[in-house]
Amino acid sequence: MRSRLFRAQAAGIGCFVCGGIALVVQIAYRDTLGLLGNVLGAGFFYVLVFRNLTRDLAMARTVMIVLTAVLGMFWLSVLTVPRLWLFAVTDGINLLLALWIIYEVSAMIEERKL
């Protein structure tokens, strides 16, 4: 259980790093709406991964699924704009890391059931 929690937190740190790169790029592009969305998303990741992950795993998984779906929709919209390839790369990596967190949380839920 501890190793799964560690891997989930490592993926969360990866999400923060990718989110930080995206924030710098959005500041450079002066994308205020995207910047606000990334700040809110990073706040949710912090609350989920580092504060509440071990308290209520089912709720953590549900929130992660919702956040990952929103991230996936944003990633698809970024793919349609050719000059925003750096956003597509960072958000794609974020999407993969978020799916990894969901996998680890689901595995922790199964371990608790046993």
C-alpha atoms as a PDB file:
ATOM      1  CA  MET A   1       0.000   0.000   0.000  1.00  0.00           C
ATOM      2  CA  ARG A   2       2.807   2.415   0.862  1.00  0.00           C
ATOM      3  CA  SER A   3       4.612   1.783  -2.414  1.00  0.00           C
ATOM      4  CA  ARG A   4       1.394   2.461  -4.363  1.00  0.00           C
ATOM      5  CA  LEU A   5       0.869   5.666  -2.393  1.00  0.00           C
ATOM      6  CA  PHE A   6       4.469   6.690  -3.114  1.00  0.00           C
ATOM      7  CA  ARG A   7       4.012   6.036  -6.851  1.00  0.00           C
ATOM      8  CA  ALA A   8       0.744   7.998  -6.871  1.00  0.00           C
ATOM      9  CA  GLN A   9       2.449  10.913  -5.132  1.00  0.00           C
ATOM     10  CA  ALA A  10       5.385  10.704  -7.568  1.00  0.00           C
ATOM     11  CA  ALA A  11       2.921  10.926 -10.455  1.00  0.00           C
ATOM     12  CA  GLY A  12       1.316  13.902  -8.701  1.00  0.00           C
ATOM     13  CA  ILE A  13       4.708  15.614  -8.502  1.00  0.00           C
ATOM     14  CA  GLY A  14       5.125  14.943 -12.221  1.00  0.00           C
ATOM     15  CA  CYS A  15       1.755  16.601 -12.821  1.00  0.00           C
ATOM     16  CA  PHE A  16       2.951  19.648 -10.866  1.00  0.00           C
ATOM     17  CA  VAL A  17       6.157  19.859 -12.916  1.00  0.00           C
ATOM     18  CA  CYS A  18       4.260  19.628 -16.211  1.00  0.00           C
ATOM     19  CA  GLY A  19       1.696  22.094 -14.913  1.00  0.00           C
ATOM     20  CA  GLY A  20       4.486  24.493 -13.955  1.00  0.00           C
ATOM     21  CA  ILE A  21       5.926  24.334 -17.462  1.00  0.00           C
ATOM     22  CA  ALA A  22       2.465  24.959 -18.891  1.00  0.00           C
ATOM     23  CA  LEU A  23       2.030  27.956 -16.549  1.00  0.00           C
ATOM     24  CA  VAL A  24       5.274  29.520 -17.765  1.00  0.00           C
ATOM     25  CA  VAL A  25       4.252  29.005 -21.388  1.00  0.00           C
ATOM     26  CA  GLN A  26       0.786  30.439 -20.733  1.00  0.00           C
ATOM     27  CA  ILE A  27       2.304  33.506 -19.094  1.00  0.00           C
ATOM     28  CA  ALA A  28       4.508  33.937 -22.167  1.00  0.00           C
ATOM     29  CA  TYR A  29       1.460  33.610 -24.465  1.00  0.00           C
ATOM     30  CA  ARG A  30      -0.659  35.790 -22.130  1.00  0.00           C
ATOM     31  CA  ASP A  31      -3.358  33.128 -22.016  1.00  0.00           C
ATOM     32  CA  THR A  32      -5.264  34.331 -18.944  1.00  0.00           C
ATOM     33  CA  LEU A  33      -8.148  31.855 -19.095  1.00  0.00           C
ATOM     34  CA  GLY A  34      -5.834  28.864 -19.546  1.00  0.00           C
ATOM     35  CA  LEU A  35      -3.587  30.169 -16.773  1.00  0.00           C
ATOM     36  CA  LEU A  36      -6.522  30.390 -14.377  1.00  0.00           C
ATOM     37  CA  GLY A  37      -7.619  26.864 -15.306  1.00  0.00           C
ATOM     38  CA  ASN A  38      -4.138  25.479 -14.702  1.00  0.00           C
ATOM     39  CA  VAL A  39      -3.842  27.193 -11.321  1.00  0.00           C
ATOM     40  CA  LEU A  40      -7.208  25.755 -10.241  1.00  0.00           C
ATOM     41  CA  GLY A  41      -6.249  22.320 -11.581  1.00  0.00           C
ATOM     42  CA  ALA A  42      -2.925  22.407  -9.725  1.00  0.00           C
ATOM     43  CA  GLY A  43      -4.791  23.340  -6.541  1.00  0.00           C
ATOM     44  CA  PHE A  44      -7.133  20.366  -6.943  1.00  0.00           C
ATOM     45  CA  PHE A  45      -4.176  18.053  -7.549  1.00  0.00           C
ATOM     46  CA  TYR A  46      -2.467  19.348  -4.411  1.00  0.00           C
ATOM     47  CA  VAL A  47      -5.549  18.845  -2.265  1.00  0.00           C
ATOM     48  CA  LEU A  48      -6.219  15.416  -3.712  1.00  0.00           C
ATOM     49  CA  VAL A  49      -2.762  13.880  -3.950  1.00  0.00           C
ATOM     50  CA  PHE A  50      -1.002  15.331  -0.943  1.00  0.00           C
ATOM     51  CA  ARG A  51      -3.792  16.015   1.522  1.00  0.00           C
ATOM     52  CA  ASN A  52      -6.726  13.642   1.083  1.00  0.00           C
ATOM     53  CA  LEU A  53      -5.415  10.688  -0.888  1.00  0.00           C
ATOM     54  CA  THR A  54      -5.205   8.304   2.058  1.00  0.00           C
ATOM     55  CA  ARG A  55      -8.409   9.436   3.780  1.00  0.00           C
ATOM     56  CA  ASP A  56     -11.123   8.534   1.281  1.00  0.00           C
ATOM     57  CA  LEU A  57      -9.755   6.598  -1.666  1.00  0.00           C
ATOM     58  CA  ALA A  58     -13.109   6.168  -3.412  1.00  0.00           C
ATOM     59  CA  MET A  59     -13.730   9.919  -3.400  1.00  0.00           C
ATOM     60  CA  ALA A  60     -10.150  10.550  -4.503  1.00  0.00           C
ATOM     61  CA  ARG A  61     -10.633   8.201  -7.448  1.00  0.00           C
ATOM     62  CA  THR A  62     -13.931   9.845  -8.411  1.00  0.00           C
ATOM     63  CA  VAL A  63     -12.437  13.340  -8.316  1.00  0.00           C
ATOM     64  CA  MET A  64      -9.396  12.129 -10.282  1.00  0.00           C
ATOM     65  CA  ILE A  65     -11.630  10.628 -12.967  1.00  0.00           C
ATOM     66  CA  VAL A  66     -13.560  13.907 -13.306  1.00  0.00           C
ATOM     67  CA  LEU A  67     -10.362  16.006 -13.396  1.00  0.00           C
ATOM     68  CA  THR A  68      -8.773  13.632 -15.907  1.00  0.00           C
ATOM     69  CA  ALA A  69     -11.840  13.818 -18.155  1.00  0.00           C
ATOM     70  CA  VAL A  70     -11.659  17.628 -18.079  1.00  0.00           C
ATOM     71  CA  LEU A  71      -7.926  17.479 -18.784  1.00  0.00           C
ATOM     72  CA  GLY A  72      -8.583  15.096 -21.676  1.00  0.00           C
ATOM     73  CA  MET A  73     -11.121  17.475 -23.219  1.00  0.00           C
ATOM     74  CA  PHE A  74      -8.703  20.377 -22.829  1.00  0.00           C
ATOM     75  CA  TRP A  75      -5.919  18.291 -24.392  1.00  0.00           C
ATOM     76  CA  LEU A  76      -8.124  17.476 -27.386  1.00  0.00           C
ATOM     77  CA  SER A  77      -8.945  21.156 -27.866  1.00  0.00           C
ATOM     78  CA  VAL A  78      -5.250  22.100 -27.699  1.00  0.00           C
ATOM     79  CA  LEU A  79      -4.411  19.492 -30.354  1.00  0.00           C
ATOM     80  CA  THR A  80      -6.513  21.400 -32.882  1.00  0.00           C
ATOM     81  CA  VAL A  81      -4.301  24.520 -32.650  1.00  0.00           C
ATOM     82  CA  PRO A  82      -0.975  23.849 -34.423  1.00  0.00           C
ATOM     83  CA  ARG A  83       1.092  26.574 -32.725  1.00  0.00           C
ATOM     84  CA  LEU A  84       0.305  25.286 -29.230  1.00  0.00           C
ATOM     85  CA  TRP A  85       2.321  22.061 -29.526  1.00  0.00           C
ATOM     86  CA  LEU A  86       4.082  22.674 -26.196  1.00  0.00           C
ATOM     87  CA  PHE A  87       0.706  22.779 -24.440  1.00  0.00           C
ATOM     88  CA  ALA A  88      -0.252  19.546 -26.178  1.00  0.00           C
ATOM     89  CA  VAL A  89       2.949  17.859 -24.993  1.00  0.00           C
ATOM     90  CA  THR A  90       2.726  19.031 -21.367  1.00  0.00           C
ATOM     91  CA  ASP A  91      -0.996  18.312 -21.133  1.00  0.00           C
ATOM     92  CA  GLY A  92      -0.499  14.912 -22.765  1.00  0.00           C
ATOM     93  CA  ILE A  93       2.118  14.015 -20.149  1.00  0.00           C
ATOM     94  CA  ASN A  94      -0.210  15.340 -17.439  1.00  0.00           C
ATOM     95  CA  LEU A  95      -2.991  13.155 -18.814  1.00  0.00           C
ATOM     96  CA  LEU A  96      -0.819  10.029 -18.696  1.00  0.00           C
ATOM     97  CA  LEU A  97       0.330  10.803 -15.143  1.00  0.00           C
ATOM     98  CA  ALA A  98      -3.265  11.399 -14.043  1.00  0.00           C
ATOM     99  CA  LEU A  99      -4.271   8.021 -15.495  1.00  0.00           C
ATOM    100  CA  TRP A 100      -1.371   6.480 -13.561  1.00  0.00           C
ATOM    101  CA  ILE A 101      -2.661   8.060 -10.338  1.00  0.00           C
ATOM    102  CA  ILE A 102      -6.142   6.656 -11.029  1.00  0.00           C
ATOM    103  CA  TYR A 103      -4.612   3.209 -11.566  1.00  0.00           C
ATOM    104  CA  GLU A 104      -2.647   3.353  -8.308  1.00  0.00           C
ATOM    105  CA  VAL A 105      -5.645   4.628  -6.320  1.00  0.00           C
ATOM    106  CA  SER A 106      -7.847   1.884  -7.772  1.00  0.00           C
ATOM    107  CA  ALA A 107      -5.235  -0.701  -6.770  1.00  0.00           C
ATOM    108  CA  MET A 108      -5.136   0.736  -3.226  1.00  0.00           C
ATOM    109  CA  ILE A 109      -8.940   0.455  -3.038  1.00  0.00           C
ATOM    110  CA  GLU A 110      -8.730  -3.214  -4.058  1.00  0.00           C
ATOM    111  CA  GLU A 111      -6.028  -3.875  -1.456  1.00  0.00           C
ATOM    112  CA  ARG A 112      -8.160  -2.338   1.275  1.00  0.00           C
ATOM    113  CA  LYS A 113     -11.113  -4.540   0.306  1.00  0.00           C
ATOM    114  CA  LEU A 114      -9.013  -7.663   0.831  1.00  0.00           C
END
